N, C-alpha and C. Protein backbone atom coordinates (compact mmCIF):
# COMPACT_ATOMS: atom_id res chain seq x y z
N MET A 1 13.85 24.02 4.04
CA MET A 1 14.02 22.59 4.14
C MET A 1 13.96 22.18 5.61
N SER A 2 13.16 21.19 5.92
CA SER A 2 13.05 20.76 7.31
C SER A 2 13.95 19.56 7.59
N VAL A 3 14.33 19.45 8.84
CA VAL A 3 15.15 18.34 9.32
C VAL A 3 14.35 17.64 10.40
N SER A 4 14.38 16.32 10.39
CA SER A 4 13.63 15.56 11.39
C SER A 4 14.53 14.61 12.15
N LEU A 5 14.12 14.34 13.37
CA LEU A 5 14.76 13.37 14.23
C LEU A 5 13.88 12.13 14.23
N TYR A 6 14.48 10.96 14.01
CA TYR A 6 13.74 9.70 13.97
C TYR A 6 14.28 8.77 15.04
N TYR A 7 13.39 8.02 15.69
CA TYR A 7 13.80 7.10 16.73
C TYR A 7 12.97 5.83 16.62
N ARG A 8 13.66 4.69 16.82
CA ARG A 8 13.01 3.39 16.68
C ARG A 8 13.73 2.38 17.55
N ALA A 9 12.95 1.56 18.26
CA ALA A 9 13.51 0.47 19.06
C ALA A 9 12.82 -0.82 18.67
N SER A 10 13.61 -1.89 18.59
CA SER A 10 13.03 -3.19 18.27
C SER A 10 13.67 -4.27 19.13
N ARG A 11 12.91 -5.30 19.37
CA ARG A 11 13.41 -6.49 20.07
C ARG A 11 12.40 -7.61 19.87
N ALA A 12 12.83 -8.82 20.15
CA ALA A 12 11.98 -9.99 19.90
C ALA A 12 10.78 -10.06 20.84
N THR A 13 10.90 -9.52 22.04
CA THR A 13 9.80 -9.60 23.00
C THR A 13 9.05 -8.27 23.06
N PRO A 14 7.73 -8.32 23.13
CA PRO A 14 6.96 -7.08 23.23
C PRO A 14 7.15 -6.43 24.60
N PRO A 15 6.80 -5.16 24.71
CA PRO A 15 6.94 -4.49 26.01
C PRO A 15 6.02 -5.12 27.06
N THR A 16 6.51 -5.19 28.27
CA THR A 16 5.69 -5.67 29.38
C THR A 16 4.71 -4.56 29.77
N ASP A 17 3.76 -4.89 30.63
CA ASP A 17 2.83 -3.86 31.11
C ASP A 17 3.58 -2.76 31.85
N ALA A 18 4.59 -3.14 32.63
CA ALA A 18 5.38 -2.15 33.37
C ALA A 18 6.16 -1.25 32.40
N GLU A 19 6.72 -1.82 31.35
CA GLU A 19 7.44 -1.02 30.36
C GLU A 19 6.50 -0.09 29.61
N THR A 20 5.33 -0.58 29.26
CA THR A 20 4.34 0.26 28.58
C THR A 20 3.94 1.43 29.47
N ALA A 21 3.74 1.17 30.75
CA ALA A 21 3.40 2.24 31.69
C ALA A 21 4.55 3.24 31.81
N ALA A 22 5.79 2.74 31.83
CA ALA A 22 6.95 3.64 31.90
C ALA A 22 7.03 4.52 30.67
N VAL A 23 6.80 3.95 29.48
CA VAL A 23 6.81 4.73 28.24
C VAL A 23 5.73 5.82 28.31
N GLU A 24 4.55 5.47 28.76
CA GLU A 24 3.46 6.45 28.86
C GLU A 24 3.82 7.56 29.83
N ARG A 25 4.46 7.23 30.96
CA ARG A 25 4.88 8.26 31.93
C ARG A 25 5.94 9.18 31.32
N ILE A 26 6.89 8.60 30.60
CA ILE A 26 7.95 9.41 29.98
C ILE A 26 7.35 10.37 28.95
N VAL A 27 6.46 9.88 28.12
CA VAL A 27 5.82 10.73 27.10
C VAL A 27 5.01 11.84 27.76
N ALA A 28 4.24 11.51 28.79
CA ALA A 28 3.44 12.53 29.48
C ALA A 28 4.33 13.59 30.14
N ALA A 29 5.41 13.16 30.78
CA ALA A 29 6.32 14.11 31.42
C ALA A 29 6.99 15.00 30.38
N HIS A 30 7.37 14.40 29.26
CA HIS A 30 7.99 15.18 28.18
C HIS A 30 7.04 16.26 27.69
N ARG A 31 5.82 15.87 27.41
CA ARG A 31 4.86 16.84 26.87
C ARG A 31 4.56 17.94 27.87
N ALA A 32 4.49 17.60 29.16
CA ALA A 32 4.22 18.60 30.19
C ALA A 32 5.36 19.60 30.32
N ALA A 33 6.59 19.16 30.06
CA ALA A 33 7.76 20.02 30.24
C ALA A 33 8.27 20.63 28.93
N PHE A 34 7.67 20.27 27.80
CA PHE A 34 8.17 20.77 26.53
C PHE A 34 8.02 22.28 26.47
N PRO A 35 9.09 23.01 26.10
CA PRO A 35 9.08 24.47 26.24
C PRO A 35 8.33 25.27 25.17
N TYR A 36 7.91 24.64 24.08
CA TYR A 36 7.31 25.43 23.00
C TYR A 36 6.00 24.82 22.52
N GLU A 37 4.93 25.56 22.66
CA GLU A 37 3.62 25.08 22.19
C GLU A 37 3.53 25.07 20.67
N ASP A 38 4.33 25.90 20.01
CA ASP A 38 4.24 26.06 18.57
C ASP A 38 5.22 25.18 17.80
N GLN A 39 5.86 24.22 18.48
CA GLN A 39 6.84 23.35 17.82
C GLN A 39 6.44 21.89 17.99
N GLU A 40 6.93 21.08 17.07
CA GLU A 40 6.69 19.65 17.15
C GLU A 40 7.51 19.09 18.31
N SER A 41 6.94 18.11 18.98
CA SER A 41 7.55 17.52 20.15
C SER A 41 7.80 16.04 19.92
N LEU A 42 8.09 15.32 20.98
CA LEU A 42 8.22 13.86 20.92
C LEU A 42 6.91 13.29 20.38
N TYR A 43 7.02 12.50 19.33
CA TYR A 43 5.81 11.92 18.73
C TYR A 43 6.06 10.43 18.47
N LEU A 44 5.27 9.59 19.11
CA LEU A 44 5.37 8.15 18.89
C LEU A 44 4.27 7.69 17.96
N TYR A 45 4.65 6.86 17.00
CA TYR A 45 3.69 6.30 16.06
C TYR A 45 2.87 5.21 16.77
N ALA A 46 1.70 4.93 16.23
CA ALA A 46 0.91 3.79 16.72
C ALA A 46 1.69 2.51 16.38
N ARG A 47 1.56 1.52 17.23
CA ARG A 47 2.24 0.25 16.96
C ARG A 47 1.78 -0.32 15.64
N ASP A 48 2.72 -0.81 14.86
CA ASP A 48 2.47 -1.36 13.53
C ASP A 48 2.43 -2.88 13.61
N ALA A 49 1.26 -3.48 13.38
CA ALA A 49 1.12 -4.93 13.46
C ALA A 49 2.03 -5.64 12.46
N GLY A 50 2.40 -4.96 11.40
CA GLY A 50 3.28 -5.53 10.39
C GLY A 50 4.74 -5.56 10.83
N ARG A 51 5.03 -4.93 11.97
CA ARG A 51 6.40 -4.92 12.53
C ARG A 51 6.34 -5.41 13.98
N PRO A 52 6.15 -6.71 14.17
CA PRO A 52 5.96 -7.21 15.54
C PRO A 52 7.17 -7.00 16.45
N ASP A 53 8.36 -6.82 15.89
CA ASP A 53 9.55 -6.61 16.72
C ASP A 53 9.73 -5.14 17.13
N GLU A 54 8.96 -4.23 16.56
CA GLU A 54 9.09 -2.80 16.87
C GLU A 54 8.36 -2.51 18.18
N VAL A 55 9.11 -2.04 19.19
CA VAL A 55 8.48 -1.75 20.47
C VAL A 55 8.12 -0.27 20.62
N VAL A 56 8.83 0.59 19.92
CA VAL A 56 8.49 2.02 19.91
C VAL A 56 9.15 2.65 18.68
N ALA A 57 8.47 3.62 18.10
CA ALA A 57 9.02 4.35 16.95
C ALA A 57 8.33 5.71 16.89
N GLY A 58 9.07 6.69 16.39
CA GLY A 58 8.48 8.01 16.26
C GLY A 58 9.43 8.97 15.55
N SER A 59 8.99 10.23 15.50
CA SER A 59 9.81 11.26 14.86
C SER A 59 9.41 12.63 15.37
N THR A 60 10.30 13.58 15.16
CA THR A 60 10.05 14.97 15.52
C THR A 60 10.66 15.85 14.44
N LYS A 61 9.85 16.72 13.87
CA LYS A 61 10.38 17.70 12.92
C LYS A 61 10.99 18.83 13.74
N LEU A 62 12.25 19.14 13.47
CA LEU A 62 12.94 20.18 14.23
C LEU A 62 12.54 21.57 13.72
N PRO A 63 12.57 22.55 14.61
CA PRO A 63 12.14 23.90 14.23
C PRO A 63 13.08 24.54 13.21
N LEU A 64 12.53 25.42 12.42
CA LEU A 64 13.33 26.22 11.50
C LEU A 64 13.97 27.40 12.22
N ASP A 65 13.37 27.81 13.33
CA ASP A 65 13.88 28.91 14.15
C ASP A 65 15.16 28.45 14.84
N THR A 66 16.30 29.01 14.47
CA THR A 66 17.59 28.56 14.98
C THR A 66 17.72 28.71 16.50
N ASP A 67 16.99 29.65 17.10
CA ASP A 67 17.04 29.82 18.55
C ASP A 67 16.36 28.67 19.28
N LYS A 68 15.55 27.90 18.59
CA LYS A 68 14.81 26.82 19.23
C LYS A 68 15.35 25.43 18.93
N VAL A 69 16.24 25.32 17.96
CA VAL A 69 16.71 24.00 17.53
C VAL A 69 17.38 23.24 18.67
N LEU A 70 18.40 23.83 19.32
CA LEU A 70 19.10 23.12 20.38
C LEU A 70 18.20 22.78 21.57
N PRO A 71 17.38 23.71 22.06
CA PRO A 71 16.50 23.33 23.18
C PRO A 71 15.52 22.21 22.82
N VAL A 72 14.96 22.25 21.62
CA VAL A 72 14.04 21.19 21.21
C VAL A 72 14.80 19.87 21.05
N LEU A 73 15.93 19.91 20.39
CA LEU A 73 16.73 18.71 20.19
C LEU A 73 17.15 18.11 21.53
N ASP A 74 17.60 18.94 22.45
CA ASP A 74 18.02 18.46 23.76
C ASP A 74 16.85 17.84 24.51
N HIS A 75 15.72 18.48 24.47
CA HIS A 75 14.53 17.98 25.19
C HIS A 75 14.08 16.64 24.61
N VAL A 76 13.98 16.55 23.30
CA VAL A 76 13.51 15.32 22.67
C VAL A 76 14.53 14.20 22.87
N LEU A 77 15.81 14.48 22.66
CA LEU A 77 16.82 13.43 22.85
C LEU A 77 16.89 12.98 24.31
N GLY A 78 16.66 13.88 25.25
CA GLY A 78 16.59 13.48 26.66
C GLY A 78 15.45 12.50 26.90
N SER A 79 14.32 12.76 26.28
CA SER A 79 13.17 11.85 26.43
C SER A 79 13.43 10.52 25.74
N VAL A 80 14.05 10.54 24.57
CA VAL A 80 14.38 9.29 23.87
C VAL A 80 15.40 8.49 24.69
N SER A 81 16.31 9.18 25.35
CA SER A 81 17.26 8.49 26.24
C SER A 81 16.52 7.79 27.38
N GLU A 82 15.54 8.46 27.95
CA GLU A 82 14.73 7.84 29.01
C GLU A 82 13.97 6.63 28.47
N LEU A 83 13.44 6.76 27.26
CA LEU A 83 12.72 5.63 26.66
C LEU A 83 13.66 4.44 26.49
N ARG A 84 14.87 4.71 26.02
CA ARG A 84 15.84 3.62 25.84
C ARG A 84 16.11 2.91 27.17
N ARG A 85 16.26 3.68 28.21
CA ARG A 85 16.54 3.08 29.53
C ARG A 85 15.33 2.32 30.07
N ALA A 86 14.14 2.69 29.65
CA ALA A 86 12.91 2.01 30.10
C ALA A 86 12.62 0.73 29.32
N LEU A 87 13.33 0.52 28.21
CA LEU A 87 13.09 -0.65 27.35
C LEU A 87 14.39 -1.44 27.18
N PRO A 88 14.83 -2.13 28.23
CA PRO A 88 16.10 -2.85 28.15
C PRO A 88 16.07 -3.95 27.08
N GLY A 89 17.23 -4.14 26.51
CA GLY A 89 17.38 -5.21 25.52
C GLY A 89 16.93 -4.85 24.12
N ALA A 90 16.44 -3.64 23.92
CA ALA A 90 15.99 -3.23 22.58
C ALA A 90 17.17 -2.71 21.77
N ARG A 91 17.09 -2.88 20.47
CA ARG A 91 18.07 -2.30 19.53
C ARG A 91 17.51 -0.95 19.09
N TRP A 92 18.28 0.08 19.26
CA TRP A 92 17.82 1.43 18.97
C TRP A 92 18.48 2.00 17.72
N GLN A 93 17.70 2.75 16.97
CA GLN A 93 18.18 3.54 15.85
C GLN A 93 17.66 4.96 16.08
N VAL A 94 18.57 5.90 16.27
CA VAL A 94 18.20 7.29 16.47
C VAL A 94 19.05 8.10 15.49
N HIS A 95 18.38 8.85 14.64
CA HIS A 95 19.13 9.62 13.66
C HIS A 95 18.38 10.89 13.28
N MET A 96 19.16 11.87 12.86
CA MET A 96 18.63 13.13 12.37
C MET A 96 18.85 13.09 10.86
N ASP A 97 17.78 12.82 10.14
CA ASP A 97 17.85 12.52 8.72
C ASP A 97 18.89 11.41 8.51
N ASP A 98 20.02 11.66 7.85
CA ASP A 98 21.00 10.60 7.59
C ASP A 98 22.14 10.54 8.62
N LEU A 99 22.08 11.34 9.66
CA LEU A 99 23.15 11.43 10.64
C LEU A 99 22.75 10.69 11.92
N ASP A 100 23.49 9.62 12.26
CA ASP A 100 23.20 8.88 13.50
C ASP A 100 23.52 9.74 14.71
N VAL A 101 22.66 9.64 15.73
CA VAL A 101 22.89 10.35 16.98
C VAL A 101 23.64 9.39 17.90
N PRO A 102 24.81 9.79 18.41
CA PRO A 102 25.58 8.89 19.26
C PRO A 102 24.92 8.64 20.61
N TRP A 103 25.12 7.42 21.13
CA TRP A 103 24.63 7.03 22.45
C TRP A 103 25.81 6.98 23.42
N ASP A 104 25.61 7.51 24.60
CA ASP A 104 26.58 7.45 25.67
C ASP A 104 25.85 6.94 26.92
N GLU A 105 26.39 5.93 27.59
CA GLU A 105 25.71 5.34 28.75
C GLU A 105 25.40 6.37 29.83
N THR A 106 26.26 7.35 30.00
CA THR A 106 26.05 8.36 31.04
C THR A 106 25.17 9.51 30.55
N GLU A 107 25.49 10.05 29.39
CA GLU A 107 24.81 11.24 28.88
C GLU A 107 23.54 10.93 28.08
N GLY A 108 23.40 9.71 27.60
CA GLY A 108 22.27 9.38 26.73
C GLY A 108 22.55 9.81 25.31
N TYR A 109 21.50 10.11 24.57
CA TYR A 109 21.66 10.55 23.18
C TYR A 109 22.00 12.04 23.15
N ALA A 110 23.06 12.38 22.42
CA ALA A 110 23.45 13.79 22.26
C ALA A 110 24.55 13.86 21.22
N PHE A 111 24.62 14.99 20.56
CA PHE A 111 25.75 15.27 19.67
C PHE A 111 26.86 15.90 20.51
N PRO A 112 28.12 15.69 20.15
CA PRO A 112 29.22 16.28 20.91
C PRO A 112 29.06 17.79 21.05
N GLY A 113 29.18 18.27 22.28
CA GLY A 113 29.09 19.70 22.57
C GLY A 113 27.69 20.26 22.63
N MET A 114 26.69 19.44 22.34
CA MET A 114 25.32 19.93 22.26
C MET A 114 24.81 20.52 23.57
N ARG A 115 25.26 19.97 24.68
CA ARG A 115 24.77 20.42 25.99
C ARG A 115 25.76 21.38 26.67
N ASP A 116 26.69 21.90 25.90
CA ASP A 116 27.67 22.85 26.42
C ASP A 116 26.97 24.20 26.61
N PRO A 117 26.86 24.68 27.85
CA PRO A 117 26.14 25.95 28.08
C PRO A 117 26.77 27.15 27.39
N ASP A 118 28.10 27.13 27.24
CA ASP A 118 28.77 28.24 26.54
C ASP A 118 28.38 28.27 25.06
N LEU A 119 28.33 27.08 24.45
CA LEU A 119 27.92 27.00 23.05
C LEU A 119 26.47 27.45 22.89
N ALA A 120 25.60 26.98 23.77
CA ALA A 120 24.19 27.36 23.69
C ALA A 120 24.03 28.87 23.86
N ALA A 121 24.77 29.46 24.80
CA ALA A 121 24.69 30.90 25.00
C ALA A 121 25.19 31.65 23.78
N GLU A 122 26.28 31.14 23.19
CA GLU A 122 26.83 31.78 21.98
C GLU A 122 25.83 31.73 20.83
N LEU A 123 25.10 30.63 20.75
CA LEU A 123 24.11 30.49 19.69
C LEU A 123 22.79 31.19 20.02
N GLY A 124 22.69 31.71 21.25
CA GLY A 124 21.48 32.42 21.64
C GLY A 124 20.35 31.51 22.06
N CYS A 125 20.67 30.29 22.51
CA CYS A 125 19.62 29.32 22.86
C CYS A 125 19.24 29.37 24.32
N LEU A 126 19.97 30.11 25.13
CA LEU A 126 19.65 30.15 26.57
C LEU A 126 19.28 31.55 26.98
């Protein structure tokens, strides 16, 4: 059974040219730094004309390999956090299937303890 991460931002105003360029830079940097060629990464859907308030949306299927789940989740959520900061005033929905991912102004999107190096080492992710 696969688990996916979904992310969506909406607001009444479309992205500016500067915001669109920032989103493109974030996506390019994410892809360049993504640690696994054989795993799904940050994926943004094409803009949907039927959803004029949607400024960005996408999803990532998380790996079945337990050693890769936390690094992939951390990398993708870090990029989604950057996207949120690049699109001020948007309403964000970020969830892993039915579980909402909490937002923290300092840390960005993350589950409690997810970035704990001791936990990652214990799980064999580092």
